[in-house]
Full PDB file with SEQRES, HELIX, SHEET, SSBOND, CRYST1, ORIGX, SCALE, CONECT and MASTER records, all heavy atoms in Angstrom:
SEQRES   1 A   32  PRO GLY GLY ARG LEU VAL ALA ASN ALA VAL THR ILE GLU          
SEQRES   2 A   32  SER GLU ALA VAL LEU GLY ARG TRP GLN ALA GLU LEU GLY          
SEQRES   3 A   32  GLY ASP LEU THR ARG ILE                                      
HELIX    1 AA1 ILE A   12  LEU A   25  1                                  14    
CRYST1    1.000    1.000    1.000  90.00  90.00  90.00 P 1           1          
ORIGX1      1.000000  0.000000  0.000000        0.00000                         
ORIGX2      0.000000  1.000000  0.000000        0.00000                         
ORIGX3      0.000000  0.000000  1.000000        0.00000                         
SCALE1      1.000000  0.000000  0.000000        0.00000                         
SCALE2      0.000000  1.000000  0.000000        0.00000                         
SCALE3      0.000000  0.000000  1.000000        0.00000                         
ATOM      1  N   PRO A   1      -3.926  12.621  21.532  1.00  0.00           N  
ATOM      2  CA  PRO A   1      -4.582  12.848  20.281  1.00  0.00           C  
ATOM      3  C   PRO A   1      -3.784  13.716  19.338  1.00  0.00           C  
ATOM      4  O   PRO A   1      -3.305  14.756  19.753  1.00  0.00           O  
ATOM      5  CB  PRO A   1      -5.984  13.529  20.603  1.00  0.00           C  
ATOM      6  CG  PRO A   1      -6.195  13.073  22.068  1.00  0.00           C  
ATOM      7  CD  PRO A   1      -4.874  13.071  22.674  1.00  0.00           C  
ATOM      8  N   GLY A   2      -3.618  13.273  18.064  1.00  0.00           N  
ATOM      9  CA  GLY A   2      -2.796  13.977  17.168  1.00  0.00           C  
ATOM     10  C   GLY A   2      -1.290  13.582  17.213  1.00  0.00           C  
ATOM     11  O   GLY A   2      -0.557  14.042  16.455  1.00  0.00           O  
ATOM     12  N   GLY A   3      -1.039  12.692  18.233  1.00  0.00           N  
ATOM     13  CA  GLY A   3       0.352  12.263  18.389  1.00  0.00           C  
ATOM     14  C   GLY A   3       0.788  11.228  17.308  1.00  0.00           C  
ATOM     15  O   GLY A   3      -0.012  10.646  16.668  1.00  0.00           O  
ATOM     16  N   ARG A   4       2.116  11.123  17.136  1.00  0.00           N  
ATOM     17  CA  ARG A   4       2.663  10.209  16.102  1.00  0.00           C  
ATOM     18  C   ARG A   4       3.381   9.038  16.840  1.00  0.00           C  
ATOM     19  O   ARG A   4       4.129   9.273  17.800  1.00  0.00           O  
ATOM     20  CB  ARG A   4       3.679  10.973  15.288  1.00  0.00           C  
ATOM     21  CG  ARG A   4       3.125  12.004  14.350  1.00  0.00           C  
ATOM     22  CD  ARG A   4       2.866  13.348  15.119  1.00  0.00           C  
ATOM     23  NE  ARG A   4       4.116  13.954  15.589  1.00  0.00           N  
ATOM     24  CZ  ARG A   4       4.112  14.894  16.523  1.00  0.00           C  
ATOM     25  NH1 ARG A   4       3.022  15.362  17.075  1.00  0.00           N  
ATOM     26  NH2 ARG A   4       5.247  15.468  16.815  1.00  0.00           N  
ATOM     27  N   LEU A   5       3.042   7.879  16.328  1.00  0.00           N  
ATOM     28  CA  LEU A   5       3.820   6.684  16.775  1.00  0.00           C  
ATOM     29  C   LEU A   5       4.566   6.062  15.604  1.00  0.00           C  
ATOM     30  O   LEU A   5       3.957   5.850  14.529  1.00  0.00           O  
ATOM     31  CB  LEU A   5       2.850   5.636  17.343  1.00  0.00           C  
ATOM     32  CG  LEU A   5       3.522   4.440  18.070  1.00  0.00           C  
ATOM     33  CD1 LEU A   5       2.552   3.864  19.154  1.00  0.00           C  
ATOM     34  CD2 LEU A   5       3.844   3.298  17.050  1.00  0.00           C  
ATOM     35  N   VAL A   6       5.891   5.918  15.795  1.00  0.00           N  
ATOM     36  CA  VAL A   6       6.733   5.400  14.702  1.00  0.00           C  
ATOM     37  C   VAL A   6       7.448   4.132  15.316  1.00  0.00           C  
ATOM     38  O   VAL A   6       8.030   4.263  16.406  1.00  0.00           O  
ATOM     39  CB  VAL A   6       7.762   6.365  14.225  1.00  0.00           C  
ATOM     40  CG1 VAL A   6       8.678   5.670  13.146  1.00  0.00           C  
ATOM     41  CG2 VAL A   6       7.040   7.545  13.634  1.00  0.00           C  
ATOM     42  N   ALA A   7       7.373   2.999  14.630  1.00  0.00           N  
ATOM     43  CA  ALA A   7       8.018   1.754  15.109  1.00  0.00           C  
ATOM     44  C   ALA A   7       8.833   1.160  13.966  1.00  0.00           C  
ATOM     45  O   ALA A   7       8.327   1.077  12.841  1.00  0.00           O  
ATOM     46  CB  ALA A   7       7.016   0.760  15.641  1.00  0.00           C  
ATOM     47  N   ASN A   8      10.048   0.749  14.285  1.00  0.00           N  
ATOM     48  CA  ASN A   8      10.920   0.156  13.294  1.00  0.00           C  
ATOM     49  C   ASN A   8      11.196  -1.334  13.575  1.00  0.00           C  
ATOM     50  O   ASN A   8      11.309  -1.713  14.754  1.00  0.00           O  
ATOM     51  CB  ASN A   8      12.270   0.901  13.268  1.00  0.00           C  
ATOM     52  CG  ASN A   8      12.187   2.272  12.586  1.00  0.00           C  
ATOM     53  OD1 ASN A   8      11.152   2.612  12.160  1.00  0.00           O  
ATOM     54  ND2 ASN A   8      13.304   3.009  12.622  1.00  0.00           N  
ATOM     55  N   ALA A   9      11.236  -2.094  12.577  1.00  0.00           N  
ATOM     56  CA  ALA A   9      11.428  -3.587  12.799  1.00  0.00           C  
ATOM     57  C   ALA A   9      12.496  -3.982  11.803  1.00  0.00           C  
ATOM     58  O   ALA A   9      12.534  -3.664  10.573  1.00  0.00           O  
ATOM     59  CB  ALA A   9      10.146  -4.315  12.539  1.00  0.00           C  
ATOM     60  N   VAL A  10      13.374  -4.887  12.296  1.00  0.00           N  
ATOM     61  CA  VAL A  10      14.442  -5.490  11.438  1.00  0.00           C  
ATOM     62  C   VAL A  10      14.395  -6.998  11.412  1.00  0.00           C  
ATOM     63  O   VAL A  10      15.044  -7.656  10.575  1.00  0.00           O  
ATOM     64  CB  VAL A  10      15.890  -5.012  11.842  1.00  0.00           C  
ATOM     65  CG1 VAL A  10      15.994  -3.521  11.647  1.00  0.00           C  
ATOM     66  CG2 VAL A  10      16.144  -5.382  13.324  1.00  0.00           C  
ATOM     67  N   THR A  11      13.598  -7.608  12.245  1.00  0.00           N  
ATOM     68  CA  THR A  11      13.529  -9.107  12.339  1.00  0.00           C  
ATOM     69  C   THR A  11      12.132  -9.506  11.789  1.00  0.00           C  
ATOM     70  O   THR A  11      11.140  -8.644  11.741  1.00  0.00           O  
ATOM     71  CB  THR A  11      13.639  -9.616  13.773  1.00  0.00           C  
ATOM     72  OG1 THR A  11      12.503  -9.196  14.541  1.00  0.00           O  
ATOM     73  CG2 THR A  11      14.922  -9.146  14.366  1.00  0.00           C  
ATOM     74  N   ILE A  12      12.002 -10.716  11.403  1.00  0.00           N  
ATOM     75  CA  ILE A  12      10.726 -11.253  10.833  1.00  0.00           C  
ATOM     76  C   ILE A  12       9.631 -11.149  11.883  1.00  0.00           C  
ATOM     77  O   ILE A  12       8.510 -10.754  11.698  1.00  0.00           O  
ATOM     78  CB  ILE A  12      10.922 -12.706  10.332  1.00  0.00           C  
ATOM     79  CG1 ILE A  12      11.755 -12.722   9.156  1.00  0.00           C  
ATOM     80  CG2 ILE A  12       9.567 -13.334  10.026  1.00  0.00           C  
ATOM     81  CD1 ILE A  12      12.194 -14.049   8.615  1.00  0.00           C  
ATOM     82  N   GLU A  13      10.088 -11.483  13.135  1.00  0.00           N  
ATOM     83  CA  GLU A  13       9.091 -11.497  14.256  1.00  0.00           C  
ATOM     84  C   GLU A  13       8.630 -10.072  14.508  1.00  0.00           C  
ATOM     85  O   GLU A  13       7.357  -9.876  14.728  1.00  0.00           O  
ATOM     86  CB  GLU A  13       9.733 -12.035  15.526  1.00  0.00           C  
ATOM     87  CG  GLU A  13      10.054 -13.554  15.453  1.00  0.00           C  
ATOM     88  CD  GLU A  13      11.346 -13.856  14.692  1.00  0.00           C  
ATOM     89  OE1 GLU A  13      12.038 -12.883  14.307  1.00  0.00           O  
ATOM     90  OE2 GLU A  13      11.606 -15.062  14.489  1.00  0.00           O  
ATOM     91  N   SER A  14       9.439  -9.140  14.570  1.00  0.00           N  
ATOM     92  CA  SER A  14       9.010  -7.727  14.837  1.00  0.00           C  
ATOM     93  C   SER A  14       8.219  -7.159  13.720  1.00  0.00           C  
ATOM     94  O   SER A  14       7.304  -6.393  13.891  1.00  0.00           O  
ATOM     95  CB  SER A  14      10.191  -6.815  15.244  1.00  0.00           C  
ATOM     96  OG  SER A  14      11.145  -6.828  14.177  1.00  0.00           O  
ATOM     97  N   GLU A  15       8.629  -7.568  12.471  1.00  0.00           N  
ATOM     98  CA  GLU A  15       7.865  -7.189  11.307  1.00  0.00           C  
ATOM     99  C   GLU A  15       6.413  -7.702  11.334  1.00  0.00           C  
ATOM    100  O   GLU A  15       5.397  -6.972  10.920  1.00  0.00           O  
ATOM    101  CB  GLU A  15       8.543  -7.612  10.019  1.00  0.00           C  
ATOM    102  CG  GLU A  15       8.028  -7.048   8.740  1.00  0.00           C  
ATOM    103  CD  GLU A  15       8.867  -7.537   7.541  1.00  0.00           C  
ATOM    104  OE1 GLU A  15       8.712  -8.678   7.207  1.00  0.00           O  
ATOM    105  OE2 GLU A  15       9.627  -6.627   6.961  1.00  0.00           O  
ATOM    106  N   ALA A  16       6.296  -8.903  11.842  1.00  0.00           N  
ATOM    107  CA  ALA A  16       4.906  -9.472  11.914  1.00  0.00           C  
ATOM    108  C   ALA A  16       4.075  -8.685  12.916  1.00  0.00           C  
ATOM    109  O   ALA A  16       2.865  -8.525  12.717  1.00  0.00           O  
ATOM    110  CB  ALA A  16       5.066 -10.961  12.321  1.00  0.00           C  
ATOM    111  N   VAL A  17       4.707  -8.328  14.027  1.00  0.00           N  
ATOM    112  CA  VAL A  17       3.943  -7.518  15.031  1.00  0.00           C  
ATOM    113  C   VAL A  17       3.453  -6.208  14.421  1.00  0.00           C  
ATOM    114  O   VAL A  17       2.346  -5.778  14.625  1.00  0.00           O  
ATOM    115  CB  VAL A  17       4.880  -7.193  16.218  1.00  0.00           C  
ATOM    116  CG1 VAL A  17       4.230  -6.168  17.129  1.00  0.00           C  
ATOM    117  CG2 VAL A  17       5.215  -8.440  16.996  1.00  0.00           C  
ATOM    118  N   LEU A  18       4.309  -5.538  13.638  1.00  0.00           N  
ATOM    119  CA  LEU A  18       3.881  -4.276  13.031  1.00  0.00           C  
ATOM    120  C   LEU A  18       2.777  -4.539  12.019  1.00  0.00           C  
ATOM    121  O   LEU A  18       1.870  -3.676  11.831  1.00  0.00           O  
ATOM    122  CB  LEU A  18       5.122  -3.603  12.344  1.00  0.00           C  
ATOM    123  CG  LEU A  18       6.226  -3.157  13.232  1.00  0.00           C  
ATOM    124  CD1 LEU A  18       7.210  -2.292  12.465  1.00  0.00           C  
ATOM    125  CD2 LEU A  18       5.781  -2.424  14.469  1.00  0.00           C  
ATOM    126  N   GLY A  19       2.849  -5.620  11.244  1.00  0.00           N  
ATOM    127  CA  GLY A  19       1.778  -5.958  10.288  1.00  0.00           C  
ATOM    128  C   GLY A  19       0.424  -6.117  10.974  1.00  0.00           C  
ATOM    129  O   GLY A  19      -0.550  -5.602  10.491  1.00  0.00           O  
ATOM    130  N   ARG A  20       0.398  -6.731  12.162  1.00  0.00           N  
ATOM    131  CA  ARG A  20      -0.804  -6.923  12.875  1.00  0.00           C  
ATOM    132  C   ARG A  20      -1.344  -5.595  13.373  1.00  0.00           C  
ATOM    133  O   ARG A  20      -2.568  -5.335  13.291  1.00  0.00           O  
ATOM    134  CB  ARG A  20      -0.601  -7.918  14.008  1.00  0.00           C  
ATOM    135  CG  ARG A  20      -0.303  -9.362  13.621  1.00  0.00           C  
ATOM    136  CD  ARG A  20      -0.578 -10.304  14.761  1.00  0.00           C  
ATOM    137  NE  ARG A  20       0.318 -10.018  15.871  1.00  0.00           N  
ATOM    138  CZ  ARG A  20       1.529 -10.553  16.006  1.00  0.00           C  
ATOM    139  NH1 ARG A  20       2.049 -11.351  15.105  1.00  0.00           N  
ATOM    140  NH2 ARG A  20       2.287 -10.296  17.075  1.00  0.00           N  
ATOM    141  N   TRP A  21      -0.573  -4.768  13.862  1.00  0.00           N  
ATOM    142  CA  TRP A  21      -1.011  -3.508  14.404  1.00  0.00           C  
ATOM    143  C   TRP A  21      -1.399  -2.543  13.309  1.00  0.00           C  
ATOM    144  O   TRP A  21      -2.398  -1.819  13.427  1.00  0.00           O  
ATOM    145  CB  TRP A  21       0.075  -2.809  15.251  1.00  0.00           C  
ATOM    146  CG  TRP A  21       0.161  -3.377  16.622  1.00  0.00           C  
ATOM    147  CD1 TRP A  21       1.037  -4.196  17.213  1.00  0.00           C  
ATOM    148  CD2 TRP A  21      -0.783  -3.115  17.667  1.00  0.00           C  
ATOM    149  NE1 TRP A  21       0.755  -4.493  18.450  1.00  0.00           N  
ATOM    150  CE2 TRP A  21      -0.346  -3.777  18.830  1.00  0.00           C  
ATOM    151  CE3 TRP A  21      -1.901  -2.306  17.757  1.00  0.00           C  
ATOM    152  CZ2 TRP A  21      -1.078  -3.783  20.001  1.00  0.00           C  
ATOM    153  CZ3 TRP A  21      -2.615  -2.267  18.946  1.00  0.00           C  
ATOM    154  CH2 TRP A  21      -2.162  -2.949  20.125  1.00  0.00           C  
ATOM    155  N   GLN A  22      -0.722  -2.627  12.126  1.00  0.00           N  
ATOM    156  CA  GLN A  22      -1.224  -1.789  11.068  1.00  0.00           C  
ATOM    157  C   GLN A  22      -2.609  -2.236  10.582  1.00  0.00           C  
ATOM    158  O   GLN A  22      -3.428  -1.359  10.264  1.00  0.00           O  
ATOM    159  CB  GLN A  22      -0.225  -1.889   9.909  1.00  0.00           C  
ATOM    160  CG  GLN A  22      -0.398  -0.858   8.834  1.00  0.00           C  
ATOM    161  CD  GLN A  22      -1.355  -1.231   7.731  1.00  0.00           C  
ATOM    162  OE1 GLN A  22      -1.687  -2.487   7.642  1.00  0.00           O  
ATOM    163  NE2 GLN A  22      -1.914  -0.266   7.029  1.00  0.00           N  
ATOM    164  N   ALA A  23      -2.885  -3.514  10.603  1.00  0.00           N  
ATOM    165  CA  ALA A  23      -4.231  -3.953  10.233  1.00  0.00           C  
ATOM    166  C   ALA A  23      -5.232  -3.490  11.156  1.00  0.00           C  
ATOM    167  O   ALA A  23      -6.378  -3.270  10.730  1.00  0.00           O  
ATOM    168  CB  ALA A  23      -4.164  -5.525  10.140  1.00  0.00           C  
ATOM    169  N   GLU A  24      -4.899  -3.380  12.494  1.00  0.00           N  
ATOM    170  CA  GLU A  24      -5.884  -2.963  13.457  1.00  0.00           C  
ATOM    171  C   GLU A  24      -6.023  -1.382  13.533  1.00  0.00           C  
ATOM    172  O   GLU A  24      -7.186  -0.973  13.599  1.00  0.00           O  
ATOM    173  CB  GLU A  24      -5.476  -3.418  14.829  1.00  0.00           C  
ATOM    174  CG  GLU A  24      -6.431  -3.069  15.938  1.00  0.00           C  
ATOM    175  CD  GLU A  24      -6.074  -3.778  17.272  1.00  0.00           C  
ATOM    176  OE1 GLU A  24      -5.318  -4.804  17.245  1.00  0.00           O  
ATOM    177  OE2 GLU A  24      -6.535  -3.231  18.296  1.00  0.00           O  
ATOM    178  N   LEU A  25      -4.934  -0.682  13.433  1.00  0.00           N  
ATOM    179  CA  LEU A  25      -5.033   0.760  13.681  1.00  0.00           C  
ATOM    180  C   LEU A  25      -4.776   1.618  12.449  1.00  0.00           C  
ATOM    181  O   LEU A  25      -5.028   2.858  12.466  1.00  0.00           O  
ATOM    182  CB  LEU A  25      -3.958   1.128  14.717  1.00  0.00           C  
ATOM    183  CG  LEU A  25      -4.108   0.594  16.166  1.00  0.00           C  
ATOM    184  CD1 LEU A  25      -3.002   1.001  17.006  1.00  0.00           C  
ATOM    185  CD2 LEU A  25      -5.466   1.008  16.783  1.00  0.00           C  
ATOM    186  N   GLY A  26      -4.418   0.956  11.319  1.00  0.00           N  
ATOM    187  CA  GLY A  26      -4.119   1.771  10.159  1.00  0.00           C  
ATOM    188  C   GLY A  26      -2.706   2.329  10.161  1.00  0.00           C  
ATOM    189  O   GLY A  26      -1.764   1.865  10.831  1.00  0.00           O  
ATOM    190  N   GLY A  27      -2.512   3.356   9.425  1.00  0.00           N  
ATOM    191  CA  GLY A  27      -1.200   3.976   9.310  1.00  0.00           C  
ATOM    192  C   GLY A  27      -0.469   3.485   8.076  1.00  0.00           C  
ATOM    193  O   GLY A  27      -0.994   2.672   7.258  1.00  0.00           O  
ATOM    194  N   ASP A  28       0.811   3.934   7.946  1.00  0.00           N  
ATOM    195  CA  ASP A  28       1.623   3.539   6.738  1.00  0.00           C  
ATOM    196  C   ASP A  28       2.647   2.501   7.153  1.00  0.00           C  
ATOM    197  O   ASP A  28       3.289   2.596   8.226  1.00  0.00           O  
ATOM    198  CB  ASP A  28       2.337   4.817   6.273  1.00  0.00           C  
ATOM    199  CG  ASP A  28       1.404   5.912   5.872  1.00  0.00           C  
ATOM    200  OD1 ASP A  28       0.272   5.564   5.453  1.00  0.00           O  
ATOM    201  OD2 ASP A  28       1.825   7.076   5.943  1.00  0.00           O  
ATOM    202  N   LEU A  29       2.909   1.574   6.214  1.00  0.00           N  
ATOM    203  CA  LEU A  29       4.009   0.630   6.366  1.00  0.00           C  
ATOM    204  C   LEU A  29       4.934   0.972   5.220  1.00  0.00           C  
ATOM    205  O   LEU A  29       4.572   1.081   4.058  1.00  0.00           O  
ATOM    206  CB  LEU A  29       3.486  -0.805   6.244  1.00  0.00           C  
ATOM    207  CG  LEU A  29       2.976  -1.464   7.549  1.00  0.00           C  
ATOM    208  CD1 LEU A  29       2.443  -2.867   7.174  1.00  0.00           C  
ATOM    209  CD2 LEU A  29       3.983  -1.516   8.641  1.00  0.00           C  
ATOM    210  N   THR A  30       6.236   1.129   5.560  1.00  0.00           N  
ATOM    211  CA  THR A  30       7.239   1.453   4.590  1.00  0.00           C  
ATOM    212  C   THR A  30       8.408   0.481   4.787  1.00  0.00           C  
ATOM    213  O   THR A  30       8.840   0.253   5.889  1.00  0.00           O  
ATOM    214  CB  THR A  30       7.738   2.887   4.689  1.00  0.00           C  
ATOM    215  OG1 THR A  30       6.596   3.784   4.645  1.00  0.00           O  
ATOM    216  CG2 THR A  30       8.740   3.255   3.625  1.00  0.00           C  
ATOM    217  N   ARG A  31       9.005   0.048   3.639  1.00  0.00           N  
ATOM    218  CA  ARG A  31      10.221  -0.772   3.815  1.00  0.00           C  
ATOM    219  C   ARG A  31      11.389   0.078   3.335  1.00  0.00           C  
ATOM    220  O   ARG A  31      11.396   0.610   2.225  1.00  0.00           O  
ATOM    221  CB  ARG A  31      10.082  -2.014   2.897  1.00  0.00           C  
ATOM    222  CG  ARG A  31      11.166  -3.056   3.149  1.00  0.00           C  
ATOM    223  CD  ARG A  31      10.792  -4.407   2.466  1.00  0.00           C  
ATOM    224  NE  ARG A  31      11.754  -5.399   2.596  1.00  0.00           N  
ATOM    225  CZ  ARG A  31      11.872  -6.201   3.685  1.00  0.00           C  
ATOM    226  NH1 ARG A  31      11.043  -5.984   4.685  1.00  0.00           N  
ATOM    227  NH2 ARG A  31      12.842  -7.124   3.742  1.00  0.00           N  
ATOM    228  N   ILE A  32      12.359   0.206   4.174  1.00  0.00           N  
ATOM    229  CA  ILE A  32      13.469   1.082   3.897  1.00  0.00           C  
ATOM    230  C   ILE A  32      14.714   0.161   3.604  1.00  0.00           C  
ATOM    231  O   ILE A  32      15.118  -0.573   4.470  1.00  0.00           O  
ATOM    232  CB  ILE A  32      13.750   1.970   5.168  1.00  0.00           C  
ATOM    233  CG1 ILE A  32      12.540   2.843   5.486  1.00  0.00           C  
ATOM    234  CG2 ILE A  32      14.979   2.916   4.840  1.00  0.00           C  
ATOM    235  CD1 ILE A  32      12.670   3.605   6.795  1.00  0.00           C  
TER     236      ILE A  32                                                      
MASTER        0    0    0    1    0    0    0    6  235    1    0    3          
END                                                                             
């Protein structure tokens, strides 16, 4: 609890995974 999870994606497939998880758990999505 209180821990941070950071995940980076460079492919369309991995980006889609992050989008689904952000919809479920919240958090920030940033495009760098």
